[in-house]
């Protein structure tokens, strides 16, 4: 047996060699904060990339570029996913501490700030995705309109070529000094007809919108323009308003008295003078010019006084126009674009030799693909189709025909 004193000495020596645990606060303190710093750095890098992608998304809208928008949208979504993954990873690996140190508070504040910024960008991205869908829908409609316009142009050119009036050559020629010279060709007239048709369609939009705001019964309004038309779709009733605008704008289109007092060269010079001019500038320089008087007279024909009162609550705009003025209201500015397109078409029709003649199609006439072009392409009818509305008149160019655009009553639209 060892003496008692030696045993106590050994116990004291063994006790002195044991490793004592660190205090709880010291043990929880991370001596290597590098992973947390990396997380913060990654967050800021990802947010910076998200900002850059967001800017690319904005830039891709002006001008509108679907490919760039899609690429930027994918990049934004990718960065949002990265931030979301970092957020969930941090929450899983770093549960809320019992007692937070100043460093933990600073980190939590920074993460909260980044989460708030992340939510803001998520809202922005959803907004842009909605705008992208709307733009894609508008783009599809424009592409369909362009395709229909190209098909109609091909048919018109074919009709012209039957009489030797080929429009294959451009109406714009470059002269020796480098300036553009406009030639009087059938192609130029076809372009003017297309522009006039588009102007009627464009003005019908604000007109219909203002009717909606004024709580008009659009079905009753369409029926009052042309009763008894059976529409394949409710949305097709827009053609009734286009037909109304067309009918009023083409009243007096061929004024024989003016045609006998003005030379064809003067008509063409009038066409060229206004072709590249803003219509508001034109009536501003000379309110009582031939074009200025034309605009005032046509506005009073197209927009009825009762219609104007329901839109604006008074007749101030009408009274101002009757008094010889040209107001700078958005509605009147939209009308001036329409008036310019029809006026240019009229000037151009008198510039040709022989003068281009207009022809109209009556309601109830049997459809003829020689004289008419349906505004609805994929239609189906059980019997011989009948004309319900004339949306745009036709023209005789020499011995050739530019078809009238019509809406057929009682048809069905093919799937």
Protein backbone atom coordinates (compact mmCIF):
# COMPACT_ATOMS: atom_id res chain seq x y z
CA UNK A 1 0.00 0.00 0.00
CA UNK A 2 1.15 3.51 -0.87
CA UNK A 3 1.31 6.07 1.81
CA UNK A 4 -1.64 8.37 2.04
CA UNK A 5 0.40 11.46 1.23
CA UNK A 6 1.77 9.94 -2.05
CA UNK A 7 -1.75 8.97 -3.16
CA UNK A 8 -3.03 12.54 -2.61
CA UNK A 9 -0.08 13.92 -4.60
CA UNK A 10 -0.89 11.63 -7.54
CA UNK A 11 -4.55 12.68 -7.50
CA UNK A 12 -3.57 16.35 -7.50
CA UNK A 13 -1.23 15.76 -10.49
CA UNK A 14 -3.92 13.82 -12.43
CA UNK A 15 -6.49 16.50 -11.74
CA UNK A 16 -4.15 19.22 -12.98
CA UNK A 17 -3.72 17.39 -16.36
CA UNK A 18 -7.49 17.20 -17.13
CA UNK A 19 -8.91 19.52 -19.89
CA UNK A 20 -11.62 21.72 -18.42
CA UNK A 21 -14.56 22.70 -20.76
CA UNK A 22 -14.71 26.33 -21.96
CA UNK A 23 -17.46 28.64 -20.74
CA UNK A 24 -20.65 28.41 -22.83
CA UNK A 25 -20.37 31.94 -24.33
CA UNK A 26 -16.74 31.40 -25.34
CA UNK A 27 -17.48 27.98 -26.85
CA UNK A 28 -20.32 29.42 -28.97
CA UNK A 29 -18.14 32.21 -30.29
CA UNK A 30 -16.98 31.22 -33.80
CA UNK A 31 -13.23 31.93 -34.05
CA UNK A 32 -13.48 31.43 -37.84
CA UNK A 33 -16.35 33.60 -39.22
CA UNK A 34 -15.26 33.00 -42.80
CA UNK A 35 -18.39 30.92 -43.83
CA UNK A 36 -20.75 33.69 -42.64
CA UNK A 37 -18.71 36.33 -44.43
CA UNK A 38 -18.87 34.22 -47.58
CA UNK A 39 -22.65 34.04 -47.24
CA UNK A 40 -22.90 37.83 -46.97
CA UNK A 41 -20.57 38.27 -49.93
CA UNK A 42 -22.63 35.81 -51.98
CA UNK A 43 -25.83 37.64 -51.07
CA UNK A 44 -24.47 40.99 -52.22
CA UNK A 45 -23.06 39.43 -55.40
CA UNK A 46 -26.39 37.80 -56.22
CA UNK A 47 -28.33 41.01 -55.51
CA UNK A 48 -25.93 42.93 -57.74
CA UNK A 49 -26.50 40.39 -60.51
CA UNK A 50 -30.25 40.67 -59.93
CA UNK A 51 -30.09 44.44 -60.34
CA UNK A 52 -28.12 44.04 -63.57
CA UNK A 53 -30.66 41.51 -64.91
CA UNK A 54 -33.51 43.84 -63.94
CA UNK A 55 -31.89 46.69 -65.89
CA UNK A 56 -31.49 44.37 -68.91
CA UNK A 57 -35.18 43.50 -68.60
CA UNK A 58 -36.10 47.20 -68.70
CA UNK A 59 -33.80 47.95 -71.64
CA UNK A 60 -35.28 45.04 -73.63
CA UNK A 61 -38.67 46.77 -73.57
CA UNK A 62 -37.44 49.84 -75.51
CA UNK A 63 -37.37 48.89 -78.28
CA UNK A 64 -39.43 45.79 -77.58
CA UNK A 65 -37.23 42.70 -78.15
CA UNK A 66 -38.91 39.38 -77.19
CA UNK A 67 -35.63 37.39 -77.31
CA UNK A 68 -33.77 39.81 -75.03
CA UNK A 69 -36.77 40.00 -72.68
CA UNK A 70 -36.90 36.21 -72.41
CA UNK A 71 -33.15 35.98 -71.73
CA UNK A 72 -33.27 38.72 -69.09
CA UNK A 73 -36.34 37.14 -67.49
CA UNK A 74 -34.54 33.79 -67.16
CA UNK A 75 -31.54 35.56 -65.60
CA UNK A 76 -33.76 37.37 -63.08
CA UNK A 77 -35.53 34.14 -62.10
CA UNK A 78 -32.17 32.36 -61.73
CA UNK A 79 -30.84 35.03 -59.36
CA UNK A 80 -34.07 34.99 -57.34
CA UNK A 81 -33.72 31.22 -56.94
CA UNK A 82 -30.11 31.65 -55.77
CA UNK A 83 -31.16 34.17 -53.13
CA UNK A 84 -34.04 31.95 -52.02
CA UNK A 85 -31.72 28.95 -51.66
CA UNK A 86 -29.25 31.00 -49.61
CA UNK A 87 -32.07 32.19 -47.36
CA UNK A 88 -33.35 28.68 -46.67
CA UNK A 89 -29.82 27.31 -46.22
CA UNK A 90 -29.01 29.96 -43.65
CA UNK A 91 -32.23 29.32 -41.72
CA UNK A 92 -31.57 25.57 -41.62
CA UNK A 93 -27.92 25.85 -40.49
CA UNK A 94 -28.36 28.82 -38.17
CA UNK A 95 -31.38 28.50 -35.88
CA UNK A 96 -32.26 31.55 -33.87
CA UNK A 97 -29.73 31.86 -30.96
CA UNK A 98 -30.83 32.13 -27.37
CA UNK A 99 -28.76 35.24 -26.82
CA UNK A 100 -27.55 37.24 -29.82
CA UNK A 101 -24.16 38.89 -29.94
CA UNK A 102 -23.64 42.28 -31.66
CA UNK A 103 -22.21 40.39 -34.64
CA UNK A 104 -25.34 38.21 -34.83
CA UNK A 105 -27.58 41.29 -34.66
CA UNK A 106 -25.67 42.98 -37.48
CA UNK A 107 -25.88 39.84 -39.60
CA UNK A 108 -29.62 39.45 -38.92
CA UNK A 109 -30.21 43.10 -39.84
CA UNK A 110 -28.30 42.72 -43.10
CA UNK A 111 -30.18 39.53 -43.98
CA UNK A 112 -33.52 41.18 -43.19
CA UNK A 113 -32.59 44.11 -45.43
CA UNK A 114 -31.66 41.77 -48.28
CA UNK A 115 -34.88 39.78 -47.79
CA UNK A 116 -36.89 43.00 -48.04
CA UNK A 117 -35.02 43.91 -51.22
CA UNK A 118 -35.62 40.41 -52.54
CA UNK A 119 -39.38 40.72 -52.00
CA UNK A 120 -39.35 44.07 -53.83
CA UNK A 121 -37.63 42.50 -56.83
CA UNK A 122 -40.01 39.55 -56.78
CA UNK A 123 -42.94 41.98 -57.06
CA UNK A 124 -41.17 43.81 -59.90
CA UNK A 125 -40.47 40.55 -61.73
CA UNK A 126 -44.11 39.47 -61.48
CA UNK A 127 -45.14 42.86 -62.84
CA UNK A 128 -42.74 42.54 -65.77
CA UNK A 129 -43.87 38.98 -66.46
CA UNK A 130 -47.45 40.24 -66.70
CA UNK A 131 -46.33 43.05 -69.02
CA UNK A 132 -44.38 40.55 -71.14
CA UNK A 133 -47.50 38.41 -71.57
CA UNK A 134 -49.50 41.48 -72.61
CA UNK A 135 -46.77 42.55 -75.04
CA UNK A 136 -46.59 39.05 -76.50
CA UNK A 137 -50.36 39.14 -77.06
CA UNK A 138 -50.11 42.57 -78.72
CA UNK A 139 -47.17 41.37 -80.83
CA UNK A 140 -49.18 38.35 -82.01
CA UNK A 141 -52.07 40.61 -83.03
CA UNK A 142 -49.70 42.94 -84.90
CA UNK A 143 -48.10 39.99 -86.68
CA UNK A 144 -51.55 38.81 -87.77
CA UNK A 145 -52.42 42.30 -89.02
CA UNK A 146 -49.13 42.49 -90.93
CA UNK A 147 -49.77 39.09 -92.49
CA UNK A 148 -53.29 40.09 -93.52
CA UNK A 149 -51.94 43.35 -94.94
CA UNK A 150 -49.28 41.50 -96.96
CA UNK A 151 -51.87 39.06 -98.31
CA UNK A 152 -54.15 41.92 -99.29
CA UNK A 153 -51.25 43.77 -100.95
CA UNK A 154 -50.43 40.67 -102.98
CA UNK A 155 -54.01 40.44 -104.20
CA UNK A 156 -54.09 44.14 -105.06
CA UNK A 157 -50.81 43.96 -106.95
CA UNK A 158 -52.08 40.92 -108.84
CA UNK A 159 -55.15 42.87 -109.94
CA UNK A 160 -52.99 45.80 -111.04
CA UNK A 161 -50.67 43.58 -113.04
CA UNK A 162 -53.63 42.18 -114.97
CA UNK A 163 -53.90 45.63 -116.59
CA UNK A 164 -50.19 46.20 -116.93
CA UNK A 165 -50.06 48.53 -113.91
CA UNK A 166 -47.23 46.69 -112.22
CA UNK A 167 -46.38 48.04 -108.78
CA UNK A 168 -43.20 46.05 -108.41
CA UNK A 169 -41.09 49.17 -108.78
CA UNK A 170 -40.71 51.37 -105.73
CA UNK A 171 -42.54 54.68 -105.55
CA UNK A 172 -39.52 56.23 -103.83
CA UNK A 173 -36.49 56.80 -106.08
CA UNK A 174 -33.15 58.27 -105.11
CA UNK A 175 -32.06 61.15 -107.33
CA UNK A 176 -28.53 61.93 -108.45
CA UNK A 177 -27.98 64.37 -105.56
CA UNK A 178 -28.94 61.72 -102.99
CA UNK A 179 -32.42 63.04 -102.15
CA UNK A 180 -35.55 60.91 -102.35
CA UNK A 181 -37.96 61.53 -105.18
CA UNK A 182 -41.56 60.28 -104.87
CA UNK A 183 -42.97 58.82 -108.09
CA UNK A 184 -46.65 58.55 -108.88
CA UNK A 185 -47.08 54.77 -109.11
CA UNK A 186 -49.88 52.31 -108.27
CA UNK A 187 -47.72 51.09 -105.41
CA UNK A 188 -47.86 54.55 -103.85
CA UNK A 189 -51.65 54.53 -104.04
CA UNK A 190 -51.86 51.04 -102.52
CA UNK A 191 -49.76 52.29 -99.58
CA UNK A 192 -52.10 55.25 -99.13
CA UNK A 193 -55.16 52.95 -99.15
CA UNK A 194 -53.55 50.73 -96.50
CA UNK A 195 -52.67 53.80 -94.40
CA UNK A 196 -56.25 55.11 -94.63
CA UNK A 197 -57.69 51.73 -93.63
CA UNK A 198 -55.33 51.56 -90.63
CA UNK A 199 -56.21 55.16 -89.63
CA UNK A 200 -59.93 54.26 -89.52
CA UNK A 201 -59.15 51.24 -87.36
CA UNK A 202 -56.88 53.26 -85.06
CA UNK A 203 -59.42 56.06 -84.48
CA UNK A 204 -62.18 53.56 -83.71
CA UNK A 205 -60.24 52.42 -80.62
CA UNK A 206 -60.37 55.70 -78.62
CA UNK A 207 -63.92 56.26 -79.86
CA UNK A 208 -65.06 52.88 -78.50
CA UNK A 209 -63.09 53.37 -75.27
CA UNK A 210 -64.79 56.71 -74.63
CA UNK A 211 -68.16 55.07 -75.26
CA UNK A 212 -67.32 52.48 -72.62
CA UNK A 213 -66.29 55.17 -70.13
CA UNK A 214 -69.52 57.03 -70.84
CA UNK A 215 -71.36 53.71 -70.18
CA UNK A 216 -72.84 53.39 -73.64
CA UNK A 217 -74.67 50.22 -74.65
CA UNK A 218 -72.23 49.18 -77.39
CA UNK A 219 -74.55 46.47 -78.71
CA UNK A 220 -77.35 48.99 -79.19
CA UNK A 221 -74.92 51.52 -80.69
CA UNK A 222 -73.63 48.98 -83.23
CA UNK A 223 -77.19 48.00 -84.14
CA UNK A 224 -78.17 51.64 -84.65
CA UNK A 225 -75.34 52.07 -87.16
CA UNK A 226 -76.42 49.10 -89.27
CA UNK A 227 -79.46 47.14 -88.04
CA UNK A 228 -79.86 43.45 -88.66
CA UNK A 229 -76.21 42.46 -88.99
CA UNK A 230 -75.53 39.03 -87.48
CA UNK A 231 -72.03 38.99 -85.99
CA UNK A 232 -70.01 35.79 -85.69
CA UNK A 233 -68.42 37.13 -82.48
CA UNK A 234 -69.41 39.93 -80.14
CA UNK A 235 -65.95 41.48 -80.63
CA UNK A 236 -66.72 41.80 -84.36
CA UNK A 237 -69.12 44.65 -83.58
CA UNK A 238 -66.08 46.91 -83.68
CA UNK A 239 -66.45 46.75 -87.47
CA UNK A 240 -69.77 48.61 -87.17
CA UNK A 241 -67.96 51.61 -85.69
CA UNK A 242 -65.21 51.38 -88.33
CA UNK A 243 -67.92 51.32 -91.00
CA UNK A 244 -69.56 54.41 -89.46
CA UNK A 245 -66.26 56.31 -89.48
CA UNK A 246 -65.53 55.20 -93.05
CA UNK A 247 -68.95 56.22 -94.32
CA UNK A 248 -68.67 59.74 -92.87
CA UNK A 249 -65.06 60.29 -93.92
CA UNK A 250 -65.68 59.30 -97.56
CA UNK A 251 -68.70 61.55 -98.03
CA UNK A 252 -67.80 63.91 -100.89
CA UNK A 253 -64.54 62.07 -101.57
CA UNK A 254 -64.91 62.81 -105.29
CA UNK A 255 -65.80 66.46 -105.63
CA UNK A 256 -66.03 67.12 -109.34
CA UNK A 257 -65.97 70.91 -108.91
CA UNK A 258 -62.60 70.84 -107.13
CA UNK A 259 -61.24 68.35 -109.63
CA UNK A 260 -61.94 70.75 -112.52
CA UNK A 261 -60.33 73.79 -110.85
CA UNK A 262 -57.09 72.15 -109.66
CA UNK A 263 -54.47 70.52 -111.88
CA UNK A 264 -53.24 66.99 -111.25
CA UNK A 265 -49.77 68.39 -110.60
CA UNK A 266 -51.18 70.65 -107.87
CA UNK A 267 -53.00 67.72 -106.26
CA UNK A 268 -49.76 65.74 -106.17
CA UNK A 269 -47.85 68.72 -104.73
CA UNK A 270 -50.48 68.99 -101.97
CA UNK A 271 -50.01 65.29 -101.26
CA UNK A 272 -46.23 65.63 -101.04
CA UNK A 273 -46.44 68.76 -98.87
CA UNK A 274 -48.49 67.06 -96.13
CA UNK A 275 -47.13 63.53 -96.44
CA UNK A 276 -44.24 64.04 -93.98
CA UNK A 277 -45.87 66.83 -91.95
CA UNK A 278 -47.47 66.49 -88.53
CA UNK A 279 -51.18 67.28 -89.04
CA UNK A 280 -51.27 69.45 -85.89
CA UNK A 281 -48.38 71.53 -87.25
CA UNK A 282 -50.20 71.86 -90.57
CA UNK A 283 -53.43 73.24 -89.06
CA UNK A 284 -51.42 75.32 -86.59
CA UNK A 285 -49.56 77.17 -89.37
CA UNK A 286 -52.70 77.79 -91.43
CA UNK A 287 -55.97 76.92 -89.61
CA UNK A 288 -58.05 77.99 -92.64
CA UNK A 289 -56.09 76.08 -95.27
CA UNK A 290 -57.82 73.54 -97.47
CA UNK A 291 -56.70 70.81 -95.09
CA UNK A 292 -57.72 72.81 -92.01
CA UNK A 293 -61.25 73.37 -93.31
CA UNK A 294 -61.45 69.71 -94.30
CA UNK A 295 -60.55 68.59 -90.75
CA UNK A 296 -63.17 70.81 -89.12
CA UNK A 297 -65.92 69.71 -91.52
CA UNK A 298 -65.13 66.01 -91.14
CA UNK A 299 -64.94 66.15 -87.34
CA UNK A 300 -68.44 67.62 -87.18
CA UNK A 301 -69.66 64.80 -89.44
CA UNK A 302 -67.99 61.92 -87.60
CA UNK A 303 -68.53 63.04 -83.98
CA UNK A 304 -72.17 63.86 -83.27
CA UNK A 305 -72.96 66.59 -80.75
CA UNK A 306 -74.82 64.20 -78.42
CA UNK A 307 -71.84 61.86 -78.55
CA UNK A 308 -69.50 64.71 -77.61
CA UNK A 309 -71.68 65.81 -74.68
CA UNK A 310 -71.76 62.26 -73.30
CA UNK A 311 -67.96 62.09 -73.57
CA UNK A 312 -66.99 65.50 -72.17
CA UNK A 313 -70.12 66.76 -70.43
CA UNK A 314 -70.41 69.80 -72.71
CA UNK A 315 -70.02 71.03 -76.31
CA UNK A 316 -67.02 73.30 -75.69
CA UNK A 317 -64.78 71.32 -78.03
CA UNK A 318 -67.37 71.40 -80.81
CA UNK A 319 -68.00 75.13 -80.36
CA UNK A 320 -64.28 75.82 -80.54
CA UNK A 321 -64.03 73.90 -83.83
CA UNK A 322 -67.12 75.59 -85.28
CA UNK A 323 -65.48 78.90 -84.42
CA UNK A 324 -62.52 78.04 -86.66
CA UNK A 325 -60.13 76.59 -84.09
CA UNK A 326 -58.19 73.35 -83.85
CA UNK A 327 -57.99 72.24 -80.19
CA UNK A 328 -54.96 70.41 -78.85
CA UNK A 329 -56.92 67.77 -76.98
CA UNK A 330 -55.81 64.10 -77.26
CA UNK A 331 -59.13 63.12 -78.85
CA UNK A 332 -58.90 65.78 -81.57
CA UNK A 333 -55.24 64.97 -82.19
CA UNK A 334 -56.23 61.34 -82.78
CA UNK A 335 -58.88 62.54 -85.23
CA UNK A 336 -56.34 64.71 -87.11
CA UNK A 337 -54.28 61.58 -87.91
CA UNK A 338 -57.38 60.00 -89.43
CA UNK A 339 -58.24 63.14 -91.39
CA UNK A 340 -54.71 63.37 -92.77
CA UNK A 341 -54.77 59.77 -94.05
CA UNK A 342 -58.09 60.19 -95.89
CA UNK A 343 -57.16 63.64 -97.22
CA UNK A 344 -53.86 62.32 -98.62
CA UNK A 345 -55.71 59.46 -100.30
CA UNK A 346 -58.10 61.95 -101.90
CA UNK A 347 -55.25 64.18 -103.15
CA UNK A 348 -53.48 61.16 -104.57
CA UNK A 349 -56.56 59.79 -106.34
CA UNK A 350 -56.89 63.06 -108.31
CA UNK A 351 -53.19 63.00 -109.20
CA UNK A 352 -53.56 59.99 -111.51
CA UNK A 353 -54.54 60.07 -115.16
CA UNK A 354 -57.27 58.98 -115.45
CA UNK A 355 -58.53 59.95 -112.00
CA UNK A 356 -58.92 56.99 -109.65
CA UNK A 357 -62.59 56.31 -108.97
CA UNK A 358 -64.09 55.07 -105.73
CA UNK A 359 -66.80 52.41 -105.52
CA UNK A 360 -68.89 51.31 -102.54
CA UNK A 361 -70.65 48.07 -101.70
CA UNK A 362 -74.21 48.06 -100.39
CA UNK A 363 -75.49 45.97 -97.51
CA UNK A 364 -77.09 42.75 -98.71
CA UNK A 365 -74.91 42.45 -101.82
CA UNK A 366 -73.62 38.96 -102.59
CA UNK A 367 -69.97 38.52 -101.74
CA UNK A 368 -67.57 38.55 -104.70
CA UNK A 369 -63.88 37.87 -104.21
CA UNK A 370 -63.22 39.95 -107.33
CA UNK A 371 -64.64 43.17 -105.91
CA UNK A 372 -64.50 42.47 -102.18
CA UNK A 373 -62.11 41.34 -99.48
CA UNK A 374 -63.52 39.96 -96.21
CA UNK A 375 -62.05 41.49 -93.04
CA UNK A 376 -62.52 38.07 -91.41
CA UNK A 377 -60.49 35.44 -93.23
CA UNK A 378 -61.42 32.05 -91.74
CA UNK A 379 -65.18 32.32 -92.25
CA UNK A 380 -67.72 29.62 -93.06
CA UNK A 381 -71.21 30.17 -94.53
CA UNK A 382 -73.98 27.75 -95.43
CA UNK A 383 -75.37 29.85 -98.28
CA UNK A 384 -74.01 32.58 -100.50
CA UNK A 385 -72.45 35.14 -98.11
CA UNK A 386 -74.01 38.59 -97.93
CA UNK A 387 -72.40 41.92 -97.13
CA UNK A 388 -73.33 43.26 -93.71
CA UNK A 389 -70.94 46.23 -93.50
CA UNK A 390 -68.57 48.04 -95.83
CA UNK A 391 -65.50 48.76 -93.73
CA UNK A 392 -63.43 50.31 -96.55
CA UNK A 393 -64.49 51.26 -100.10
CA UNK A 394 -62.87 49.91 -103.24
CA UNK A 395 -61.15 51.80 -106.07
CA UNK A 396 -60.86 51.66 -109.85
CA UNK A 397 -57.25 52.23 -110.88
CA UNK A 398 -57.44 52.51 -114.64
CA UNK A 399 -59.18 49.26 -115.51
CA UNK A 400 -57.98 47.41 -112.40
CA UNK A 401 -59.73 46.90 -109.09
CA UNK A 402 -58.62 47.53 -105.53
CA UNK A 403 -61.09 45.45 -103.53
CA UNK A 404 -63.51 46.89 -101.02
CA UNK A 405 -63.16 45.53 -97.47
CA UNK A 406 -66.41 44.14 -96.09
CA UNK A 407 -67.86 42.29 -93.09
CA UNK A 408 -70.18 39.41 -94.00
CA UNK A 409 -73.38 38.95 -92.02
CA UNK A 410 -74.46 35.54 -90.73
CA UNK A 411 -71.11 33.85 -91.19
CA UNK A 412 -69.33 31.51 -88.79
CA UNK A 413 -65.66 31.59 -87.93
CA UNK A 414 -63.76 28.36 -88.56
CA UNK A 415 -61.78 26.89 -85.67
